[in-house]
Amino acid sequence: MVWLMILLGVGIIIGNLMLLKHTAHIKMPSLKDHQQRHQEQEQEEKDKDKWSDD
């Protein structure tokens, strides 16, 4: 039973290390890009509302 828990713990550690290695090269989007996209989406929604009022 103890060996099973040890293997489970080692498996979790190895899995986390493999996940970290796999995701290390992925670039996170900057906050500036996120804000810019959010503003563009809001502007598009406002434009849609203007057309639907007519």
N, C-alpha and C. Protein backbone atom coordinates (compact mmCIF):
# COMPACT_ATOMS: atom_id res chain seq x y z
N MET A 1 0.82 -1.20 0.00
CA MET A 1 0.00 0.00 0.00
C MET A 1 0.86 1.26 0.00
N VAL A 2 1.96 1.22 0.77
CA VAL A 2 2.86 2.36 0.84
C VAL A 2 3.52 2.57 -0.52
N TRP A 3 3.86 1.48 -1.18
CA TRP A 3 4.50 1.60 -2.49
C TRP A 3 3.57 2.23 -3.52
N LEU A 4 2.31 1.94 -3.40
CA LEU A 4 1.33 2.52 -4.31
C LEU A 4 1.26 4.03 -4.12
N MET A 5 1.26 4.49 -2.89
CA MET A 5 1.23 5.93 -2.62
C MET A 5 2.51 6.61 -3.07
N ILE A 6 3.64 5.94 -2.90
CA ILE A 6 4.92 6.50 -3.36
C ILE A 6 4.91 6.61 -4.88
N LEU A 7 4.46 5.56 -5.57
CA LEU A 7 4.40 5.60 -7.03
C LEU A 7 3.43 6.68 -7.52
N LEU A 8 2.32 6.84 -6.84
CA LEU A 8 1.36 7.88 -7.19
C LEU A 8 1.98 9.27 -7.03
N GLY A 9 2.68 9.48 -5.94
CA GLY A 9 3.35 10.76 -5.70
C GLY A 9 4.42 11.05 -6.74
N VAL A 10 5.24 10.06 -7.05
CA VAL A 10 6.27 10.22 -8.08
C VAL A 10 5.64 10.46 -9.44
N GLY A 11 4.55 9.78 -9.73
CA GLY A 11 3.86 9.98 -11.00
C GLY A 11 3.31 11.38 -11.13
N ILE A 12 2.76 11.91 -10.05
CA ILE A 12 2.25 13.28 -10.09
C ILE A 12 3.39 14.28 -10.31
N ILE A 13 4.49 14.08 -9.63
CA ILE A 13 5.65 14.98 -9.78
C ILE A 13 6.18 14.92 -11.21
N ILE A 14 6.34 13.73 -11.75
CA ILE A 14 6.85 13.58 -13.12
C ILE A 14 5.87 14.18 -14.11
N GLY A 15 4.58 13.97 -13.90
CA GLY A 15 3.57 14.54 -14.79
C GLY A 15 3.61 16.06 -14.79
N ASN A 16 3.75 16.66 -13.62
CA ASN A 16 3.82 18.11 -13.53
C ASN A 16 5.08 18.64 -14.21
N LEU A 17 6.20 17.96 -14.05
CA LEU A 17 7.43 18.38 -14.71
C LEU A 17 7.31 18.28 -16.24
N MET A 18 6.68 17.22 -16.72
CA MET A 18 6.49 17.07 -18.16
C MET A 18 5.56 18.17 -18.70
N LEU A 19 4.52 18.50 -17.95
CA LEU A 19 3.60 19.56 -18.36
C LEU A 19 4.32 20.91 -18.38
N LEU A 20 5.15 21.16 -17.38
CA LEU A 20 5.91 22.40 -17.33
C LEU A 20 6.86 22.50 -18.52
N LYS A 21 7.52 21.42 -18.86
CA LYS A 21 8.44 21.42 -20.01
C LYS A 21 7.67 21.66 -21.31
N HIS A 22 6.50 21.07 -21.43
CA HIS A 22 5.69 21.21 -22.66
C HIS A 22 5.18 22.63 -22.83
N THR A 23 4.81 23.29 -21.74
CA THR A 23 4.23 24.62 -21.83
C THR A 23 5.25 25.74 -21.67
N ALA A 24 6.52 25.43 -21.51
CA ALA A 24 7.53 26.46 -21.27
C ALA A 24 7.71 27.38 -22.46
N HIS A 25 7.51 26.91 -23.67
CA HIS A 25 7.76 27.72 -24.86
C HIS A 25 6.53 28.51 -25.31
N ILE A 26 5.39 28.31 -24.67
CA ILE A 26 4.17 29.00 -25.07
C ILE A 26 4.23 30.44 -24.56
N LYS A 27 3.96 31.37 -25.47
CA LYS A 27 4.01 32.78 -25.12
C LYS A 27 2.65 33.22 -24.57
N MET A 28 2.69 33.87 -23.42
CA MET A 28 1.47 34.38 -22.82
C MET A 28 1.11 35.71 -23.47
N PRO A 29 -0.16 35.93 -23.78
CA PRO A 29 -0.55 37.22 -24.35
C PRO A 29 -0.37 38.33 -23.32
N SER A 30 0.03 39.50 -23.80
CA SER A 30 0.25 40.60 -22.88
C SER A 30 -1.08 41.22 -22.47
N LEU A 31 -1.07 41.93 -21.37
CA LEU A 31 -2.26 42.58 -20.87
C LEU A 31 -2.70 43.67 -21.83
N LYS A 32 -1.75 44.34 -22.46
CA LYS A 32 -2.06 45.40 -23.41
C LYS A 32 -2.86 44.84 -24.59
N ASP A 33 -2.44 43.70 -25.12
CA ASP A 33 -3.17 43.07 -26.23
C ASP A 33 -4.59 42.68 -25.81
N HIS A 34 -4.71 42.17 -24.59
CA HIS A 34 -6.03 41.75 -24.09
C HIS A 34 -6.96 42.95 -23.98
N GLN A 35 -6.46 44.06 -23.44
CA GLN A 35 -7.29 45.25 -23.29
C GLN A 35 -7.69 45.80 -24.66
N GLN A 36 -6.77 45.77 -25.61
CA GLN A 36 -7.06 46.28 -26.94
C GLN A 36 -8.16 45.45 -27.61
N ARG A 37 -8.06 44.12 -27.51
CA ARG A 37 -9.09 43.25 -28.09
C ARG A 37 -10.44 43.47 -27.41
N HIS A 38 -10.42 43.68 -26.10
CA HIS A 38 -11.66 43.90 -25.37
C HIS A 38 -12.32 45.20 -25.83
N GLN A 39 -11.54 46.24 -26.03
CA GLN A 39 -12.09 47.51 -26.50
C GLN A 39 -12.65 47.37 -27.91
N GLU A 40 -11.98 46.61 -28.76
CA GLU A 40 -12.47 46.40 -30.12
C GLU A 40 -13.80 45.66 -30.10
N GLN A 41 -13.93 44.67 -29.23
CA GLN A 41 -15.18 43.92 -29.13
C GLN A 41 -16.32 44.81 -28.64
N GLU A 42 -16.02 45.68 -27.68
CA GLU A 42 -17.05 46.60 -27.19
C GLU A 42 -17.49 47.55 -28.30
N GLN A 43 -16.53 48.02 -29.09
CA GLN A 43 -16.86 48.93 -30.18
C GLN A 43 -17.74 48.23 -31.22
N GLU A 44 -17.43 46.98 -31.53
CA GLU A 44 -18.23 46.21 -32.48
C GLU A 44 -19.66 46.03 -31.96
N GLU A 45 -19.80 45.78 -30.66
CA GLU A 45 -21.13 45.62 -30.09
C GLU A 45 -21.92 46.92 -30.17
N LYS A 46 -21.25 48.04 -29.94
CA LYS A 46 -21.92 49.33 -30.03
C LYS A 46 -22.36 49.60 -31.47
N ASP A 47 -21.50 49.24 -32.43
CA ASP A 47 -21.84 49.42 -33.84
C ASP A 47 -23.06 48.57 -34.22
N LYS A 48 -23.13 47.36 -33.73
CA LYS A 48 -24.26 46.48 -34.02
C LYS A 48 -25.55 47.07 -33.45
N ASP A 49 -25.47 47.62 -32.25
CA ASP A 49 -26.65 48.21 -31.61
C ASP A 49 -27.15 49.40 -32.40
N LYS A 50 -26.26 50.19 -32.94
CA LYS A 50 -26.68 51.36 -33.73
C LYS A 50 -27.47 50.93 -34.94
N TRP A 51 -27.05 49.85 -35.59
CA TRP A 51 -27.74 49.40 -36.80
C TRP A 51 -29.08 48.76 -36.46
N SER A 52 -29.16 48.13 -35.31
CA SER A 52 -30.40 47.44 -34.98
C SER A 52 -31.49 48.42 -34.53
N ASP A 53 -31.14 49.64 -34.11
CA ASP A 53 -32.13 50.63 -33.69
C ASP A 53 -32.92 51.20 -34.85
N ASP A 54 -32.35 51.22 -36.03
CA ASP A 54 -33.01 51.84 -37.20
C ASP A 54 -34.18 51.03 -37.69
